[in-house]
Structures are given as C-alpha cells and as structure tokens.
C-alpha cells in the first residue's frame, strides 16, 4: 500500500493572521476528520499529523517512505498565515511529493494585487478595483477610488481576505474608505495591501472546487452556491461566523451556463500551475455576468466541508480519495 500523510491544522494553536487570532475549534472537528480518513484505509496507509512541531521530525525521519503528503495545512506552520510557505519549502527540500500550492506560485496566489494583474492580463472579469499600498499618495488613491462606482467593499489584500468583513466594509464615500483602511491597519497591527472593489449588489456567489490533473485526464469541477443569497448580506449576520453546513447550498445555475464557467476555471487551473485541487470564488450578477473573486490554491478543508462535497458530489472513493489517487498518478 502507498503511504499517505495528511497534514492538517495544528490542533495546539489557534488561527493567527497578524494580530487576529481565531479559535481553532471554530474551524474543524479533528475527531470527525479522522473518521473521514479511516474510510481510506482499505486502499492506503493513512496517517494524519495535527501537531506541526512534531511533524517536522517525522518528515525528516520518514521522507524516503512517504509517497504523498496531502497538504491541508492551508493556514501555515502552527496555523500562522505568515508562515504559510513553510511546509512547501520543507517538502521541496526533503524531496517529498505534496498536493496543492507549489513553490513556484506561492506569492502570486497569496498577494491579491498580483493575482488581479494576472487576471487582467488574461482578460478574466474581476470587480473593478483600486489597490491601497502603505506608501501610496492619498490624493492618487482618492482619484482611483472615486473612479469606481459606489458602493465599494474594502477588504484585506492577502489570504484570509474574508476576515474582518462587517457592515462597515461597505463604503459609500472616500472618507468611509479611509476610515475602514485605518480600522483594518489597527486590527492587523501593521500596514498592508488593501483592496477597494466595486460592490456588485444583488449578485450571487459561488465556489468551484477543481480536483484532478490534466495529465491524468481526471479533472472534475464541483460547484456549490454560497449563502445567504447575497454573500455580503450583513443584515442577517456576519457570514464569517456561519457554520459550514449553513454556508453552502447545491448549485442552482443551468447546466449549460455552469459548464461554460467551469470550463474557463479548469483552464485557469492549468495556468496557475496548481496541483490536484484549487478553489475559485466567483460572482454571477443579475445579467449573468461572471466575475472572479479569488483563487484558493490550498483551499480550506474541514470535516464539514468534506461531508458537504461528498453529499452533493458522490465521487467513487469520495473527494479526498479522488484527490489522492490523482496526485499519485501525476
């Protein structure tokens, strides 16, 4: 049997993004996820590592006996976003095959401003955006922001950009934008890249998980809809606090229209050089115009999300087994 190591969240640490700290228990159920892995034991020798400090010693000692690491530690070493390239560099150093985001595309997929420029070059629709850099001239920023159509949404320009979204994220004036930037910088404890995007009202948001690899001819697209109907409907509740099971619903787009969008995203997966899986977040407005929002090269997986995908998309071997099989064959 192939030896598969699944590197998961570090159960000893909360999620850390600069000054923001979120309880790890809000993200996943470790025992529940272990039960998901047990379903693979008839095909693979599967080991889950959920202590990042101890895992380093394990990887050094067993590097020659590991066939694949399923890298689900998307938040980085010890769940710290500032260390999200740590394991990628370690696996490359040790010569261990691993899934997800590869070493040659880390910065492009973490920096939303770089991603935006690439999407523009590829002529992929993206909400009109102004980019705030700490060193930017405020007059220049005001000119850029006022060239957008209000309302706009102000959010962080790196991984974890959905954090700190609330009613005040939606702005109707430049003064509100600068107030929001000040709030984000104080919350983060540092100055950073911030995106100011046109807020597309009455749009529906979807997320598409692409699994498999082109060289194996086994790519599948799995699309589900994000709820509530308007993704940023803060009148109901802050969506960041919604449980996963209340966060997604089965896709409700006509098959022909959805097929065209999924085909475009499958092509984009190959361009971004993501291996085995990648998740795209996107909007569809009232005129059925498509807007890409984000590329998640190491999308967050937890026990509830695997249950959801397995429920809506009953793939032989379940979602995780399909990913492992494709990764081993590439």
Protein backbone atom coordinates (compact mmCIF):
# COMPACT_ATOMS: atom_id res chain seq x y z
CA UNK A 1 0.00 0.00 0.00
CA UNK A 2 1.01 3.61 -0.63
CA UNK A 3 1.94 5.63 2.46
CA UNK A 4 -0.14 8.80 2.61
CA UNK A 5 0.39 11.55 5.18
CA UNK A 6 -2.39 14.08 5.65
CA UNK A 7 -1.02 17.27 7.18
CA UNK A 8 -3.92 19.04 8.87
CA UNK A 9 -4.40 22.10 11.06
CA UNK A 10 -2.27 22.24 14.19
CA UNK A 11 -4.67 21.34 16.98
CA UNK A 12 -2.47 23.07 19.60
CA UNK A 13 -2.70 26.54 18.06
CA UNK A 14 -5.44 28.94 17.07
CA UNK A 15 -5.58 30.52 13.62
CA UNK A 16 -3.27 33.54 13.54
CA UNK A 17 -3.36 36.34 10.96
CA UNK A 18 -1.14 39.16 12.18
CA UNK A 19 -2.91 40.49 15.31
CA UNK A 20 -6.07 38.48 14.65
CA UNK A 21 -6.48 35.17 16.44
CA UNK A 22 -9.40 32.79 15.84
CA UNK A 23 -10.22 29.66 17.88
CA UNK A 24 -9.18 26.51 16.01
CA UNK A 25 -12.29 24.73 17.29
CA UNK A 26 -14.38 27.08 15.12
CA UNK A 27 -12.66 25.71 12.03
CA UNK A 28 -12.86 21.95 12.27
CA UNK A 29 -13.57 18.83 14.28
CA UNK A 30 -10.34 16.82 14.47
CA UNK A 31 -12.03 13.58 15.54
CA UNK A 32 -14.63 13.90 12.79
CA UNK A 33 -11.93 14.42 10.18
CA UNK A 34 -10.04 11.37 11.46
CA UNK A 35 -13.19 9.35 10.78
CA UNK A 36 -13.17 10.62 7.19
CA UNK A 37 -9.60 9.36 6.79
CA UNK A 38 -10.48 5.93 8.17
CA UNK A 39 -12.64 5.36 5.09
CA UNK A 40 -9.43 5.32 3.00
CA UNK A 41 -7.67 2.60 5.00
CA UNK A 42 -8.67 -0.17 2.59
CA UNK A 43 -6.61 1.48 -0.18
CA UNK A 44 -3.82 3.39 1.58
CA UNK A 45 -1.79 3.53 4.76
CA UNK A 46 -3.03 6.89 6.00
CA UNK A 47 -1.54 8.94 8.83
CA UNK A 48 -2.91 12.30 9.98
CA UNK A 49 -0.49 14.79 11.51
CA UNK A 50 -2.09 17.56 13.56
CA UNK A 51 0.91 18.66 15.63
CA UNK A 52 3.08 20.78 13.36
CA UNK A 53 6.11 20.93 15.64
CA UNK A 54 6.31 17.14 15.96
CA UNK A 55 5.59 16.65 12.27
CA UNK A 56 8.91 18.22 11.24
CA UNK A 57 10.86 15.45 12.96
CA UNK A 58 8.56 12.86 11.39
CA UNK A 59 9.13 14.20 7.86
CA UNK A 60 12.92 14.18 8.26
CA UNK A 61 12.95 10.62 9.60
CA UNK A 62 10.46 9.16 7.14
CA UNK A 63 10.99 11.19 3.96
CA UNK A 64 12.03 8.12 1.94
CA UNK A 65 8.93 6.17 2.94
CA UNK A 66 6.27 8.81 2.22
CA UNK A 67 4.53 8.50 -1.15
CA UNK A 68 2.45 11.66 -0.80
CA UNK A 69 1.64 14.44 1.65
CA UNK A 70 -1.87 15.85 1.35
CA UNK A 71 -1.10 19.36 2.49
CA UNK A 72 -4.26 20.65 4.17
CA UNK A 73 -2.30 22.98 6.47
CA UNK A 74 -3.50 25.90 4.37
CA UNK A 75 -3.07 28.36 7.24
CA UNK A 76 0.66 27.71 7.52
CA UNK A 77 3.00 26.33 10.16
CA UNK A 78 1.23 26.30 13.54
CA UNK A 79 -1.80 27.88 11.78
CA UNK A 80 0.12 31.12 11.25
CA UNK A 81 -0.59 32.79 7.88
CA UNK A 82 2.80 34.50 7.92
CA UNK A 83 4.38 31.02 7.74
CA UNK A 84 2.18 29.57 5.00
CA UNK A 85 5.13 28.68 2.75
CA UNK A 86 6.98 26.79 5.50
CA UNK A 87 5.83 23.27 4.66
CA UNK A 88 6.07 23.85 0.90
CA UNK A 89 9.74 24.75 1.32
CA UNK A 90 10.28 21.81 3.67
CA UNK A 91 8.75 19.27 1.26
CA UNK A 92 10.82 20.60 -1.62
CA UNK A 93 13.97 20.43 0.48
CA UNK A 94 13.25 16.83 1.51
CA UNK A 95 12.07 15.77 -1.94
CA UNK A 96 8.60 14.74 -0.72
CA UNK A 97 5.69 14.82 -3.17
CA UNK A 98 2.85 17.01 -1.93
CA UNK A 99 -0.52 18.33 -3.04
CA UNK A 100 -1.87 21.81 -3.65
CA UNK A 101 0.01 25.07 -3.99
CA UNK A 102 3.50 24.58 -5.35
CA UNK A 103 6.68 26.55 -4.64
CA UNK A 104 6.59 28.40 -7.96
CA UNK A 105 3.25 30.13 -7.36
CA UNK A 106 3.15 30.99 -3.67
CA UNK A 107 3.48 34.76 -3.89
CA UNK A 108 1.19 35.14 -6.91
CA UNK A 109 -1.64 33.33 -5.14
CA UNK A 110 -1.12 34.98 -1.75
CA UNK A 111 -0.87 38.55 -2.99
CA UNK A 112 -4.28 39.55 -4.31
CA UNK A 113 -2.86 42.57 -6.12
CA UNK A 114 -0.54 40.32 -8.15
CA UNK A 115 -3.41 37.95 -8.84
CA UNK A 116 -5.54 40.86 -10.04
CA UNK A 117 -2.89 41.96 -12.53
CA UNK A 118 -2.57 38.44 -13.91
CA UNK A 119 -6.35 38.09 -14.24
CA UNK A 120 -6.46 41.40 -16.09
CA UNK A 121 -3.75 40.18 -18.48
CA UNK A 122 -5.75 37.00 -19.10
CA UNK A 123 -8.89 39.12 -19.71
CA UNK A 124 -10.83 37.44 -16.92
CA UNK A 125 -13.57 39.58 -15.38
CA UNK A 126 -12.75 40.87 -11.92
CA UNK A 127 -14.68 43.52 -9.97
CA UNK A 128 -13.26 46.98 -10.69
CA UNK A 129 -10.65 47.53 -8.03
CA UNK A 130 -8.39 50.19 -6.54
CA UNK A 131 -5.38 48.97 -4.58
CA UNK A 132 -4.14 50.61 -1.40
CA UNK A 133 -0.43 50.26 -0.63
CA UNK A 134 1.03 51.69 2.61
CA UNK A 135 3.26 54.06 0.64
CA UNK A 136 0.55 55.29 -1.74
CA UNK A 137 -0.13 59.00 -2.13
CA UNK A 138 -3.56 59.72 -0.62
CA UNK A 139 -4.53 62.08 -3.45
CA UNK A 140 -3.71 59.41 -6.00
CA UNK A 141 -5.70 56.85 -4.01
CA UNK A 142 -8.69 59.19 -3.81
CA UNK A 143 -8.63 59.63 -7.58
CA UNK A 144 -8.52 55.86 -8.10
CA UNK A 145 -11.28 55.11 -5.60
CA UNK A 146 -13.58 57.84 -6.91
CA UNK A 147 -13.22 56.43 -10.41
CA UNK A 148 -15.11 53.37 -9.11
CA UNK A 149 -18.87 53.21 -8.75
CA UNK A 150 -20.05 53.33 -5.14
CA UNK A 151 -20.78 51.40 -3.02
CA UNK A 152 -17.40 49.69 -2.71
CA UNK A 153 -16.21 46.94 -0.40
CA UNK A 154 -12.92 47.29 1.46
CA UNK A 155 -11.06 44.09 2.36
CA UNK A 156 -7.59 42.76 3.02
CA UNK A 157 -5.36 42.04 0.04
CA UNK A 158 -3.88 38.70 1.12
CA UNK A 159 -5.01 35.25 2.23
CA UNK A 160 -7.76 35.46 4.78
CA UNK A 161 -9.32 38.42 2.97
CA UNK A 162 -12.79 37.44 4.19
CA UNK A 163 -11.81 38.16 7.79
CA UNK A 164 -12.97 41.36 9.45
CA UNK A 165 -15.79 41.86 6.98
CA UNK A 166 -18.80 43.53 8.56
CA UNK A 167 -21.36 46.24 7.78
CA UNK A 168 -18.66 48.91 7.71
CA UNK A 169 -16.81 47.08 4.93
CA UNK A 170 -19.36 48.53 2.50
CA UNK A 171 -18.47 52.18 1.86
CA UNK A 172 -20.29 54.97 0.03
CA UNK A 173 -17.66 57.70 0.19
CA UNK A 174 -13.91 58.12 0.16
CA UNK A 175 -13.97 59.21 3.79
CA UNK A 176 -15.63 55.92 4.72
CA UNK A 177 -12.97 54.08 2.71
CA UNK A 178 -10.09 55.76 4.55
CA UNK A 179 -11.81 55.15 7.90
CA UNK A 180 -12.09 51.48 7.01
CA UNK A 181 -8.45 51.29 5.96
CA UNK A 182 -7.44 52.79 9.32
CA UNK A 183 -9.57 50.21 11.11
CA UNK A 184 -8.04 47.29 9.20
CA UNK A 185 -4.49 48.51 9.81
CA UNK A 186 -5.13 48.91 13.54
CA UNK A 187 -6.76 45.47 13.71
CA UNK A 188 -3.87 43.86 11.83
CA UNK A 189 -1.24 45.71 13.83
CA UNK A 190 0.56 46.71 10.66
CA UNK A 191 0.12 48.41 7.31
CA UNK A 192 -0.63 46.10 4.40
CA UNK A 193 -2.16 45.85 0.95
CA UNK A 194 -5.92 46.52 0.94
CA UNK A 195 -8.37 46.11 -1.93
CA UNK A 196 -11.23 48.54 -2.63
CA UNK A 197 -13.63 46.85 -5.03
CA UNK A 198 -16.91 47.84 -6.59
CA UNK A 199 -19.63 46.10 -4.62
CA UNK A 200 -21.83 44.20 -7.04
CA UNK A 201 -25.24 44.31 -5.43
CA UNK A 202 -27.81 41.54 -5.88
CA UNK A 203 -25.10 39.19 -7.12
CA UNK A 204 -24.94 35.52 -6.17
CA UNK A 205 -21.66 34.00 -5.07
CA UNK A 206 -20.44 30.53 -5.93
CA UNK A 207 -17.37 28.48 -5.19
CA UNK A 208 -15.96 25.89 -7.59
CA UNK A 209 -13.55 23.19 -6.46
CA UNK A 210 -11.46 21.78 -9.32
CA UNK A 211 -9.94 18.40 -8.47
CA UNK A 212 -7.67 16.16 -10.53
CA UNK A 213 -4.88 16.89 -13.01
CA UNK A 214 -4.88 17.46 -16.74
CA UNK A 215 -2.04 14.99 -17.34
CA UNK A 216 -4.16 12.28 -15.72
CA UNK A 217 -7.27 13.27 -17.68
CA UNK A 218 -9.32 13.11 -14.49
CA UNK A 219 -10.31 16.72 -13.81
CA UNK A 220 -13.71 17.37 -12.25
CA UNK A 221 -15.40 20.65 -11.36
CA UNK A 222 -17.64 20.78 -8.29
CA UNK A 223 -19.65 23.95 -7.83
CA UNK A 224 -21.77 24.93 -4.85
CA UNK A 225 -23.57 28.14 -4.01
CA UNK A 226 -22.64 30.37 -1.09
CA UNK A 227 -25.46 31.55 1.14
CA UNK A 228 -27.12 33.85 2.02
CA UNK A 229 -28.39 34.84 -1.42
CA UNK A 230 -26.31 37.98 -1.30
CA UNK A 231 -22.91 36.90 0.02
CA UNK A 232 -22.41 40.17 1.87
CA UNK A 233 -25.90 40.43 3.34
CA UNK A 234 -24.83 41.74 6.72
CA UNK A 235 -28.41 42.48 7.74
CA UNK A 236 -28.76 38.78 8.54
CA UNK A 237 -25.44 38.06 10.25
CA UNK A 238 -21.73 38.31 9.68
CA UNK A 239 -21.21 35.47 7.19
CA UNK A 240 -17.73 34.73 8.59
CA UNK A 241 -19.37 33.27 11.69
CA UNK A 242 -21.73 30.96 9.81
CA UNK A 243 -21.15 27.20 10.31
CA UNK A 244 -20.03 25.46 7.13
CA UNK A 245 -23.23 23.41 6.96
CA UNK A 246 -25.25 26.67 6.86
CA UNK A 247 -22.87 28.39 4.48
CA UNK A 248 -23.27 26.45 1.23
CA UNK A 249 -26.09 25.06 -0.89
CA UNK A 250 -26.27 22.98 -4.06
CA UNK A 251 -25.54 24.98 -7.22
CA UNK A 252 -28.65 26.47 -8.87
CA UNK A 253 -27.29 27.51 -12.29
CA UNK A 254 -28.47 25.97 -15.56
CA UNK A 255 -26.11 23.20 -16.67
CA UNK A 256 -25.16 24.85 -19.97
CA UNK A 257 -24.20 28.16 -18.37
CA UNK A 258 -22.41 26.45 -15.48
CA UNK A 259 -20.50 24.21 -17.89
CA UNK A 260 -19.03 27.22 -19.70
CA UNK A 261 -17.90 28.82 -16.44
CA UNK A 262 -16.41 25.59 -15.09
CA UNK A 263 -14.52 25.03 -18.35
CA UNK A 264 -12.99 28.51 -18.05
CA UNK A 265 -11.96 27.78 -14.46
CA UNK A 266 -10.46 24.42 -15.40
CA UNK A 267 -8.29 26.23 -17.97
CA UNK A 268 -7.34 28.78 -15.34
CA UNK A 269 -6.24 25.99 -13.00
CA UNK A 270 -3.61 24.90 -15.54
CA UNK A 271 -2.38 28.49 -15.98
CA UNK A 272 -1.92 28.98 -12.24
CA UNK A 273 0.03 25.68 -12.01
CA UNK A 274 -2.00 24.44 -9.06
CA UNK A 275 -1.75 20.70 -8.49
CA UNK A 276 -4.54 18.27 -7.55
CA UNK A 277 -7.08 20.82 -6.34
CA UNK A 278 -7.83 24.51 -6.39
CA UNK A 279 -10.92 26.50 -5.45
CA UNK A 280 -12.29 29.55 -7.24
CA UNK A 281 -14.72 32.01 -5.67
CA UNK A 282 -16.83 33.97 -8.12
CA UNK A 283 -19.93 36.09 -8.61
CA UNK A 284 -22.79 36.00 -11.06
CA UNK A 285 -24.77 39.24 -11.35
CA UNK A 286 -28.39 39.70 -12.42
CA UNK A 287 -27.35 39.84 -16.08
CA UNK A 288 -25.40 36.56 -15.69
CA UNK A 289 -22.05 38.34 -15.94
CA UNK A 290 -19.21 36.31 -14.38
CA UNK A 291 -16.69 37.93 -12.01
CA UNK A 292 -13.78 36.07 -10.46
CA UNK A 293 -13.18 36.97 -6.81
CA UNK A 294 -10.42 34.74 -5.53
CA UNK A 295 -8.14 31.78 -6.23
CA UNK A 296 -7.52 29.42 -3.31
CA UNK A 297 -4.57 27.18 -4.20
CA UNK A 298 -4.73 25.38 -0.87
CA UNK A 299 -8.43 25.70 -0.12
CA UNK A 300 -9.52 25.23 3.44
CA UNK A 301 -10.90 21.74 4.03
CA UNK A 302 -12.51 20.66 7.23
CA UNK A 303 -14.71 17.78 8.29
CA UNK A 304 -17.98 19.57 7.49
CA UNK A 305 -16.80 20.70 4.06
CA UNK A 306 -15.74 17.18 3.08
CA UNK A 307 -19.17 15.94 4.18
CA UNK A 308 -20.82 18.60 2.05
CA UNK A 309 -18.81 17.78 -1.08
CA UNK A 310 -19.34 14.05 -0.60
CA UNK A 311 -23.08 14.65 -0.23
CA UNK A 312 -23.51 16.77 -3.33
CA UNK A 313 -20.90 15.03 -5.49
CA UNK A 314 -20.81 11.27 -4.77
CA UNK A 315 -17.49 10.50 -6.49
CA UNK A 316 -16.15 6.96 -6.21
CA UNK A 317 -13.63 6.90 -3.39
CA UNK A 318 -15.06 10.16 -2.01
CA UNK A 319 -13.50 13.56 -2.63
CA UNK A 320 -10.32 13.05 -0.60
CA UNK A 321 -9.69 9.61 -2.10
CA UNK A 322 -10.11 11.04 -5.60
CA UNK A 323 -7.59 13.79 -4.87
CA UNK A 324 -5.05 11.30 -3.50
CA UNK A 325 -5.42 8.95 -6.47
CA UNK A 326 -4.95 11.77 -8.97
CA UNK A 327 -1.92 13.15 -7.11
CA UNK A 328 -0.23 9.75 -7.01
CA UNK A 329 -0.71 9.30 -10.75
CA UNK A 330 0.65 12.65 -11.93
